[in-house]
């Protein structure tokens, strides 16, 4: 039965996605504001289709550009975070070459960064700054990779700080907010350490095998906690900004898991 369910979900996913790809392409070509909102509504639909219930605490700043600094667990994070609000992501350069998913990332106007070439960090930072200056919300996975869903990896300060500095140079600055994400329940039951690793996509896992395996599982609960806004211009030291963000994400992530444990 779980195989049939997974096959049906995949079929509907591909049907909806292939129908909306040319629509999003056209919206981008026309410069329509709906090119920001279509991915948001698309991912909300995907959450409903995949039976991922997203619980949100806090809210993203209104009226100012925002650099969202988040932890990273799975490919599913993109769907969950995009369902929270219209956002754009910073992703490793290799994602652009992935079949279908790379095209989808481009259509959501993802900022691609080559993490193997430190000389490109400055250029990427200025691209992020220009996008922030245009009023966009940019999501940066500060760990630089995905975790096993049970921990927060050390944050990398280079791109955080460079983006913050460039944002000051490009315009009036922006807010920075943290976003802690945790997957806490499956089939309505609290998930333990082992179960969370099944949702996480990390290391050298094959993506399509992981997608198939996750689709065969039951409904998931994702907890998102958004931190209070902090003005980038008020924190000029990149390492301090990274440390403040990391501490807040660690604290909020632990509290989300603790709340799950308490519910047991």
C-alpha atoms as a PDB file:
ATOM      1  CA  UNK A   1       0.000   0.000   0.000  1.00  0.00           C
ATOM      2  CA  UNK A   2       2.839   2.384   0.795  1.00  0.00           C
ATOM      3  CA  UNK A   3       4.332   1.764  -2.669  1.00  0.00           C
ATOM      4  CA  UNK A   4       1.027   2.641  -4.330  1.00  0.00           C
ATOM      5  CA  UNK A   5       0.758   5.789  -2.207  1.00  0.00           C
ATOM      6  CA  UNK A   6       4.312   6.853  -3.101  1.00  0.00           C
ATOM      7  CA  UNK A   7       3.749   6.187  -6.810  1.00  0.00           C
ATOM      8  CA  UNK A   8       0.539   8.249  -6.808  1.00  0.00           C
ATOM      9  CA  UNK A   9       2.229  11.112  -4.964  1.00  0.00           C
ATOM     10  CA  UNK A  10       5.122  11.120  -7.426  1.00  0.00           C
ATOM     11  CA  UNK A  11       2.741  11.090 -10.380  1.00  0.00           C
ATOM     12  CA  UNK A  12       0.713  14.026  -9.062  1.00  0.00           C
ATOM     13  CA  UNK A  13       3.918  15.910  -8.130  1.00  0.00           C
ATOM     14  CA  UNK A  14       5.322  15.567 -11.661  1.00  0.00           C
ATOM     15  CA  UNK A  15       2.001  16.483 -13.263  1.00  0.00           C
ATOM     16  CA  UNK A  16       1.555  19.680 -11.211  1.00  0.00           C
ATOM     17  CA  UNK A  17       5.225  20.633 -11.501  1.00  0.00           C
ATOM     18  CA  UNK A  18       5.432  20.156 -15.261  1.00  0.00           C
ATOM     19  CA  UNK A  19       2.235  22.182 -15.727  1.00  0.00           C
ATOM     20  CA  UNK A  20       3.495  25.093 -13.598  1.00  0.00           C
ATOM     21  CA  UNK A  21       7.088  25.283 -14.885  1.00  0.00           C
ATOM     22  CA  UNK A  22       6.144  27.139 -18.118  1.00  0.00           C
ATOM     23  CA  UNK A  23       3.796  29.400 -16.141  1.00  0.00           C
ATOM     24  CA  UNK A  24       6.608  30.421 -13.765  1.00  0.00           C
ATOM     25  CA  UNK A  25       9.015  30.873 -16.693  1.00  0.00           C
ATOM     26  CA  UNK A  26       6.535  33.221 -18.371  1.00  0.00           C
ATOM     27  CA  UNK A  27       5.924  35.181 -15.151  1.00  0.00           C
ATOM     28  CA  UNK A  28       9.680  35.711 -14.790  1.00  0.00           C
ATOM     29  CA  UNK A  29      10.000  36.841 -18.390  1.00  0.00           C
ATOM     30  CA  UNK A  30       7.178  39.332 -17.885  1.00  0.00           C
ATOM     31  CA  UNK A  31       8.671  40.578 -14.612  1.00  0.00           C
ATOM     32  CA  UNK A  32       5.393  39.858 -12.860  1.00  0.00           C
ATOM     33  CA  UNK A  33       5.163  40.097  -9.070  1.00  0.00           C
ATOM     34  CA  UNK A  34       3.386  36.739  -9.223  1.00  0.00           C
ATOM     35  CA  UNK A  35       6.741  35.115  -9.984  1.00  0.00           C
ATOM     36  CA  UNK A  36       7.463  35.658  -6.266  1.00  0.00           C
ATOM     37  CA  UNK A  37       4.162  34.207  -5.101  1.00  0.00           C
ATOM     38  CA  UNK A  38       3.652  31.218  -7.398  1.00  0.00           C
ATOM     39  CA  UNK A  39       6.523  29.181  -5.810  1.00  0.00           C
ATOM     40  CA  UNK A  40       5.096  29.994  -2.376  1.00  0.00           C
ATOM     41  CA  UNK A  41       1.630  28.696  -3.243  1.00  0.00           C
ATOM     42  CA  UNK A  42       3.134  25.770  -5.144  1.00  0.00           C
ATOM     43  CA  UNK A  43       5.095  24.662  -2.076  1.00  0.00           C
ATOM     44  CA  UNK A  44       2.082  25.095   0.171  1.00  0.00           C
ATOM     45  CA  UNK A  45       0.256  22.765  -2.202  1.00  0.00           C
ATOM     46  CA  UNK A  46       3.189  20.330  -2.041  1.00  0.00           C
ATOM     47  CA  UNK A  47       3.025  20.328   1.760  1.00  0.00           C
ATOM     48  CA  UNK A  48      -0.659  19.455   1.547  1.00  0.00           C
ATOM     49  CA  UNK A  49      -0.003  16.777  -1.064  1.00  0.00           C
ATOM     50  CA  UNK A  50       2.848  15.195   0.910  1.00  0.00           C
ATOM     51  CA  UNK A  51       0.894  15.558   4.167  1.00  0.00           C
ATOM     52  CA  UNK A  52       3.549  17.723   5.806  1.00  0.00           C
ATOM     53  CA  UNK A  53       1.979  19.850   8.533  1.00  0.00           C
ATOM     54  CA  UNK A  54       3.973  23.026   9.103  1.00  0.00           C
ATOM     55  CA  UNK A  55       3.720  24.701  12.518  1.00  0.00           C
ATOM     56  CA  UNK A  56       5.137  28.227  12.625  1.00  0.00           C
ATOM     57  CA  UNK A  57       6.208  30.282  15.626  1.00  0.00           C
ATOM     58  CA  UNK A  58       7.203  33.910  15.011  1.00  0.00           C
ATOM     59  CA  UNK A  59       6.987  35.798  11.739  1.00  0.00           C
ATOM     60  CA  UNK A  60       9.232  37.248   9.066  1.00  0.00           C
ATOM     61  CA  UNK A  61       9.678  41.039   9.080  1.00  0.00           C
ATOM     62  CA  UNK A  62       7.369  43.074   6.895  1.00  0.00           C
ATOM     63  CA  UNK A  63       8.446  46.105   4.916  1.00  0.00           C
ATOM     64  CA  UNK A  64      12.196  45.373   4.992  1.00  0.00           C
ATOM     65  CA  UNK A  65      14.437  42.928   3.138  1.00  0.00           C
ATOM     66  CA  UNK A  66      15.414  39.939   5.263  1.00  0.00           C
ATOM     67  CA  UNK A  67      18.390  37.593   5.351  1.00  0.00           C
ATOM     68  CA  UNK A  68      17.049  34.380   6.900  1.00  0.00           C
ATOM     69  CA  UNK A  69      19.751  32.236   8.487  1.00  0.00           C
ATOM     70  CA  UNK A  70      18.533  28.653   8.813  1.00  0.00           C
ATOM     71  CA  UNK A  71      19.650  25.158   9.688  1.00  0.00           C
ATOM     72  CA  UNK A  72      19.477  22.482   7.002  1.00  0.00           C
ATOM     73  CA  UNK A  73      18.232  18.897   7.313  1.00  0.00           C
ATOM     74  CA  UNK A  74      16.721  17.689   4.050  1.00  0.00           C
ATOM     75  CA  UNK A  75      15.611  18.540   0.522  1.00  0.00           C
ATOM     76  CA  UNK A  76      12.199  18.787   2.190  1.00  0.00           C
ATOM     77  CA  UNK A  77      13.368  22.007   3.897  1.00  0.00           C
ATOM     78  CA  UNK A  78      12.948  23.876   0.598  1.00  0.00           C
ATOM     79  CA  UNK A  79       9.287  22.902   0.420  1.00  0.00           C
ATOM     80  CA  UNK A  80       8.624  23.683   4.085  1.00  0.00           C
ATOM     81  CA  UNK A  81      10.387  27.066   4.191  1.00  0.00           C
ATOM     82  CA  UNK A  82       8.937  28.163   0.841  1.00  0.00           C
ATOM     83  CA  UNK A  83       5.493  27.331   2.224  1.00  0.00           C
ATOM     84  CA  UNK A  84       6.087  29.794   5.085  1.00  0.00           C
ATOM     85  CA  UNK A  85       6.602  32.839   2.841  1.00  0.00           C
ATOM     86  CA  UNK A  86       7.855  33.874  -0.614  1.00  0.00           C
ATOM     87  CA  UNK A  87      11.634  33.405  -0.347  1.00  0.00           C
ATOM     88  CA  UNK A  88      14.738  32.722  -2.414  1.00  0.00           C
ATOM     89  CA  UNK A  89      17.550  30.383  -1.442  1.00  0.00           C
ATOM     90  CA  UNK A  90      21.328  30.303  -1.528  1.00  0.00           C
ATOM     91  CA  UNK A  91      22.456  26.875  -2.764  1.00  0.00           C
ATOM     92  CA  UNK A  92      25.662  25.172  -3.824  1.00  0.00           C
ATOM     93  CA  UNK A  93      26.519  25.501  -7.510  1.00  0.00           C
ATOM     94  CA  UNK A  94      25.985  21.775  -8.192  1.00  0.00           C
ATOM     95  CA  UNK A  95      22.249  22.123  -7.541  1.00  0.00           C
ATOM     96  CA  UNK A  96      21.873  24.114 -10.772  1.00  0.00           C
ATOM     97  CA  UNK A  97      22.852  21.009 -12.772  1.00  0.00           C
ATOM     98  CA  UNK A  98      20.419  18.598 -11.086  1.00  0.00           C
ATOM     99  CA  UNK A  99      17.724  17.227 -13.421  1.00  0.00           C
ATOM    100  CA  UNK A 100      14.378  19.009 -12.865  1.00  0.00           C
ATOM    101  CA  UNK A 101      15.259  20.194  -9.345  1.00  0.00           C
ATOM    102  CA  UNK A 102      17.991  22.420 -10.761  1.00  0.00           C
ATOM    103  CA  UNK A 103      15.493  23.984 -13.159  1.00  0.00           C
ATOM    104  CA  UNK A 104      13.036  24.499 -10.316  1.00  0.00           C
ATOM    105  CA  UNK A 105      15.762  26.198  -8.262  1.00  0.00           C
ATOM    106  CA  UNK A 106      16.552  28.533 -11.154  1.00  0.00           C
ATOM    107  CA  UNK A 107      12.882  29.375 -11.599  1.00  0.00           C
ATOM    108  CA  UNK A 108      12.749  30.325  -7.931  1.00  0.00           C
ATOM    109  CA  UNK A 109      15.745  32.585  -8.614  1.00  0.00           C
ATOM    110  CA  UNK A 110      18.138  30.750  -6.320  1.00  0.00           C
ATOM    111  CA  UNK A 111      21.561  32.300  -5.705  1.00  0.00           C
ATOM    112  CA  UNK A 112      24.198  29.701  -6.543  1.00  0.00           C
ATOM    113  CA  UNK A 113      27.552  29.693  -4.775  1.00  0.00           C
ATOM    114  CA  UNK A 114      30.692  27.702  -5.491  1.00  0.00           C
ATOM    115  CA  UNK A 115      31.789  26.739  -1.986  1.00  0.00           C
ATOM    116  CA  UNK A 116      35.013  25.194  -3.315  1.00  0.00           C
ATOM    117  CA  UNK A 117      36.270  28.548  -4.616  1.00  0.00           C
ATOM    118  CA  UNK A 118      36.602  31.079  -1.825  1.00  0.00           C
ATOM    119  CA  UNK A 119      37.315  33.818  -4.363  1.00  0.00           C
ATOM    120  CA  UNK A 120      33.681  33.687  -5.491  1.00  0.00           C
ATOM    121  CA  UNK A 121      32.277  34.413  -2.013  1.00  0.00           C
ATOM    122  CA  UNK A 122      32.567  38.163  -2.512  1.00  0.00           C
ATOM    123  CA  UNK A 123      30.704  38.048  -5.836  1.00  0.00           C
ATOM    124  CA  UNK A 124      27.981  35.868  -4.327  1.00  0.00           C
ATOM    125  CA  UNK A 125      27.711  38.189  -1.333  1.00  0.00           C
ATOM    126  CA  UNK A 126      27.163  41.181  -3.599  1.00  0.00           C
ATOM    127  CA  UNK A 127      24.516  39.297  -5.552  1.00  0.00           C
ATOM    128  CA  UNK A 128      22.736  38.545  -2.262  1.00  0.00           C
ATOM    129  CA  UNK A 129      23.103  42.207  -1.280  1.00  0.00           C
ATOM    130  CA  UNK A 130      21.587  43.411  -4.542  1.00  0.00           C
ATOM    131  CA  UNK A 131      18.661  41.074  -4.070  1.00  0.00           C
ATOM    132  CA  UNK A 132      18.179  42.249  -0.484  1.00  0.00           C
ATOM    133  CA  UNK A 133      18.333  45.849  -1.670  1.00  0.00           C
ATOM    134  CA  UNK A 134      15.502  44.982  -4.065  1.00  0.00           C
ATOM    135  CA  UNK A 135      13.440  43.961  -1.032  1.00  0.00           C
ATOM    136  CA  UNK A 136      13.736  40.184  -1.309  1.00  0.00           C
ATOM    137  CA  UNK A 137      13.893  37.553   1.424  1.00  0.00           C
ATOM    138  CA  UNK A 138      16.973  35.380   1.066  1.00  0.00           C
ATOM    139  CA  UNK A 139      17.442  32.076   2.913  1.00  0.00           C
ATOM    140  CA  UNK A 140      21.002  31.077   3.750  1.00  0.00           C
ATOM    141  CA  UNK A 141      21.718  27.594   5.129  1.00  0.00           C
ATOM    142  CA  UNK A 142      24.564  28.664   7.373  1.00  0.00           C
ATOM    143  CA  UNK A 143      25.913  25.176   8.119  1.00  0.00           C
ATOM    144  CA  UNK A 144      26.962  24.850   4.490  1.00  0.00           C
ATOM    145  CA  UNK A 145      25.527  21.312   4.319  1.00  0.00           C
ATOM    146  CA  UNK A 146      22.676  19.264   5.750  1.00  0.00           C
ATOM    147  CA  UNK A 147      22.720  17.493   9.118  1.00  0.00           C
ATOM    148  CA  UNK A 148      21.207  14.223  10.373  1.00  0.00           C
ATOM    149  CA  UNK A 149      18.236  16.083  11.879  1.00  0.00           C
ATOM    150  CA  UNK A 150      19.446  15.652  15.463  1.00  0.00           C
ATOM    151  CA  UNK A 151      22.012  18.417  15.699  1.00  0.00           C
ATOM    152  CA  UNK A 152      23.098  21.827  14.461  1.00  0.00           C
ATOM    153  CA  UNK A 153      26.446  21.879  12.673  1.00  0.00           C
ATOM    154  CA  UNK A 154      28.872  24.814  13.145  1.00  0.00           C
ATOM    155  CA  UNK A 155      27.874  27.883  11.142  1.00  0.00           C
ATOM    156  CA  UNK A 156      30.208  29.180   8.449  1.00  0.00           C
ATOM    157  CA  UNK A 157      30.725  32.875   8.967  1.00  0.00           C
ATOM    158  CA  UNK A 158      32.290  33.881   5.635  1.00  0.00           C
ATOM    159  CA  UNK A 159      29.159  34.184   3.505  1.00  0.00           C
ATOM    160  CA  UNK A 160      27.021  35.484   6.384  1.00  0.00           C
ATOM    161  CA  UNK A 161      29.417  38.317   7.081  1.00  0.00           C
ATOM    162  CA  UNK A 162      30.152  39.085   3.451  1.00  0.00           C
ATOM    163  CA  UNK A 163      26.452  39.293   2.672  1.00  0.00           C
ATOM    164  CA  UNK A 164      25.888  41.568   5.659  1.00  0.00           C
ATOM    165  CA  UNK A 165      28.742  43.886   4.663  1.00  0.00           C
ATOM    166  CA  UNK A 166      27.672  43.980   1.045  1.00  0.00           C
ATOM    167  CA  UNK A 167      24.078  44.706   2.051  1.00  0.00           C
ATOM    168  CA  UNK A 168      25.263  47.787   3.941  1.00  0.00           C
ATOM    169  CA  UNK A 169      27.268  48.946   0.941  1.00  0.00           C
ATOM    170  CA  UNK A 170      24.459  48.373  -1.561  1.00  0.00           C
ATOM    171  CA  UNK A 171      21.580  50.062   0.229  1.00  0.00           C
ATOM    172  CA  UNK A 172      19.891  50.826   3.502  1.00  0.00           C
ATOM    173  CA  UNK A 173      20.709  47.473   5.043  1.00  0.00           C
ATOM    174  CA  UNK A 174      18.373  44.680   5.950  1.00  0.00           C
ATOM    175  CA  UNK A 175      17.120  42.611   8.828  1.00  0.00           C
ATOM    176  CA  UNK A 176      18.608  39.268   9.739  1.00  0.00           C
ATOM    177  CA  UNK A 177      16.388  36.621  11.274  1.00  0.00           C
ATOM    178  CA  UNK A 178      17.079  33.061  12.255  1.00  0.00           C
ATOM    179  CA  UNK A 179      14.894  30.147  11.251  1.00  0.00           C
ATOM    180  CA  UNK A 180      15.124  26.912  13.235  1.00  0.00           C
ATOM    181  CA  UNK A 181      13.535  23.893  11.585  1.00  0.00           C
ATOM    182  CA  UNK A 182      12.895  20.480  13.134  1.00  0.00           C
ATOM    183  CA  UNK A 183      10.871  17.453  12.048  1.00  0.00           C
ATOM    184  CA  UNK A 184       9.151  16.228  15.184  1.00  0.00           C
ATOM    185  CA  UNK A 185       6.295  13.821  14.432  1.00  0.00           C
ATOM    186  CA  UNK A 186       5.392  11.064  11.995  1.00  0.00           C
ATOM    187  CA  UNK A 187       1.869   9.606  11.891  1.00  0.00           C
ATOM    188  CA  UNK A 188       1.193  12.063  14.736  1.00  0.00           C
ATOM    189  CA  UNK A 189       3.657  10.246  16.988  1.00  0.00           C
ATOM    190  CA  UNK A 190       6.834  11.866  18.381  1.00  0.00           C
ATOM    191  CA  UNK A 191       9.972  11.013  16.411  1.00  0.00           C
ATOM    192  CA  UNK A 192      13.136   9.833  18.151  1.00  0.00           C
ATOM    193  CA  UNK A 193      16.755  10.191  17.060  1.00  0.00           C
ATOM    194  CA  UNK A 194      16.644   7.247  14.654  1.00  0.00           C
ATOM    195  CA  UNK A 195      13.390   8.305  12.993  1.00  0.00           C
ATOM    196  CA  UNK A 196      14.707  11.832  12.403  1.00  0.00           C
ATOM    197  CA  UNK A 197      17.674  10.459  10.446  1.00  0.00           C
ATOM    198  CA  UNK A 198      15.203   8.840   8.046  1.00  0.00           C
ATOM    199  CA  UNK A 199      13.759  12.256   7.197  1.00  0.00           C
ATOM    200  CA  UNK A 200      17.194  13.879   6.961  1.00  0.00           C
ATOM    201  CA  UNK A 201      19.033  13.822   3.639  1.00  0.00           C
ATOM    202  CA  UNK A 202      22.748  14.141   4.255  1.00  0.00           C
ATOM    203  CA  UNK A 203      26.178  12.721   3.462  1.00  0.00           C
ATOM    204  CA  UNK A 204      26.283  10.757   0.205  1.00  0.00           C
ATOM    205  CA  UNK A 205      22.639   9.633   0.214  1.00  0.00           C
ATOM    206  CA  UNK A 206      21.087   9.169  -3.229  1.00  0.00           C
ATOM    207  CA  UNK A 207      18.393  11.803  -3.582  1.00  0.00           C
ATOM    208  CA  UNK A 208      15.775   9.890  -5.579  1.00  0.00           C
ATOM    209  CA  UNK A 209      16.059   6.845  -3.316  1.00  0.00           C
ATOM    210  CA  UNK A 210      15.555   9.122  -0.322  1.00  0.00           C
ATOM    211  CA  UNK A 211      12.567  10.856  -1.941  1.00  0.00           C
ATOM    212  CA  UNK A 212      10.965   7.464  -2.669  1.00  0.00           C
ATOM    213  CA  UNK A 213      11.607   6.245   0.859  1.00  0.00           C
ATOM    214  CA  UNK A 214      10.158   9.384   2.444  1.00  0.00           C
ATOM    215  CA  UNK A 215       7.061   9.275   0.248  1.00  0.00           C
ATOM    216  CA  UNK A 216       6.389   5.783   1.540  1.00  0.00           C
ATOM    217  CA  UNK A 217       6.307   7.113   5.097  1.00  0.00           C
ATOM    218  CA  UNK A 218       3.311   8.670   6.799  1.00  0.00           C
ATOM    219  CA  UNK A 219       2.361  12.300   7.489  1.00  0.00           C
ATOM    220  CA  UNK A 220       5.051  14.518   8.998  1.00  0.00           C
ATOM    221  CA  UNK A 221       4.993  17.492  11.362  1.00  0.00           C
ATOM    222  CA  UNK A 222       7.581  20.206  10.760  1.00  0.00           C
ATOM    223  CA  UNK A 223       8.217  22.868  13.395  1.00  0.00           C
ATOM    224  CA  UNK A 224       9.527  26.260  12.256  1.00  0.00           C
ATOM    225  CA  UNK A 225      10.597  28.906  14.747  1.00  0.00           C
ATOM    226  CA  UNK A 226      11.523  32.364  13.415  1.00  0.00           C
ATOM    227  CA  UNK A 227      13.692  34.609  15.570  1.00  0.00           C
ATOM    228  CA  UNK A 228      13.199  38.306  16.270  1.00  0.00           C
ATOM    229  CA  UNK A 229      14.683  40.628  13.617  1.00  0.00           C
ATOM    230  CA  UNK A 230      18.149  42.086  14.090  1.00  0.00           C
ATOM    231  CA  UNK A 231      19.390  45.027  12.018  1.00  0.00           C
ATOM    232  CA  UNK A 232      22.451  43.985  10.020  1.00  0.00           C
ATOM    233  CA  UNK A 233      24.023  47.411  10.393  1.00  0.00           C
ATOM    234  CA  UNK A 234      24.067  46.935  14.163  1.00  0.00           C
ATOM    235  CA  UNK A 235      26.403  43.915  13.971  1.00  0.00           C
ATOM    236  CA  UNK A 236      29.517  44.740  11.977  1.00  0.00           C
ATOM    237  CA  UNK A 237      31.659  41.755  12.935  1.00  0.00           C
ATOM    238  CA  UNK A 238      30.834  38.756  10.710  1.00  0.00           C
ATOM    239  CA  UNK A 239      32.031  36.202  13.246  1.00  0.00           C
ATOM    240  CA  UNK A 240      29.896  37.819  15.935  1.00  0.00           C
ATOM    241  CA  UNK A 241      26.874  37.791  13.633  1.00  0.00           C
ATOM    242  CA  UNK A 242      27.456  34.122  12.831  1.00  0.00           C
ATOM    243  CA  UNK A 243      27.911  33.299  16.536  1.00  0.00           C
ATOM    244  CA  UNK A 244      24.721  35.140  17.550  1.00  0.00           C
ATOM    245  CA  UNK A 245      22.743  33.415  14.783  1.00  0.00           C
ATOM    246  CA  UNK A 246      24.152  29.984  15.554  1.00  0.00           C
ATOM    247  CA  UNK A 247      23.421  30.301  19.273  1.00  0.00           C
ATOM    248  CA  UNK A 248      19.831  31.324  18.590  1.00  0.00           C
ATOM    249  CA  UNK A 249      19.212  28.534  16.075  1.00  0.00           C
ATOM    250  CA  UNK A 250      20.753  25.964  18.457  1.00  0.00           C
ATOM    251  CA  UNK A 251      18.583  27.182  21.334  1.00  0.00           C
ATOM    252  CA  UNK A 252      15.385  27.238  19.293  1.00  0.00           C
ATOM    253  CA  UNK A 253      16.112  23.869  17.669  1.00  0.00           C
ATOM    254  CA  UNK A 254      16.730  22.275  21.078  1.00  0.00           C
ATOM    255  CA  UNK A 255      13.505  23.795  22.426  1.00  0.00           C
ATOM    256  CA  UNK A 256      11.527  22.410  19.485  1.00  0.00           C
ATOM    257  CA  UNK A 257      12.884  18.930  20.146  1.00  0.00           C
ATOM    258  CA  UNK A 258      12.406  19.318  23.895  1.00  0.00           C
ATOM    259  CA  UNK A 259       8.785  20.267  23.338  1.00  0.00           C
ATOM    260  CA  UNK A 260       8.403  17.092  21.279  1.00  0.00           C
ATOM    261  CA  UNK A 261       9.959  15.022  24.054  1.00  0.00           C
ATOM    262  CA  UNK A 262       7.720  16.630  26.662  1.00  0.00           C
ATOM    263  CA  UNK A 263       4.693  15.708  24.583  1.00  0.00           C
ATOM    264  CA  UNK A 264       5.628  12.047  24.852  1.00  0.00           C
END
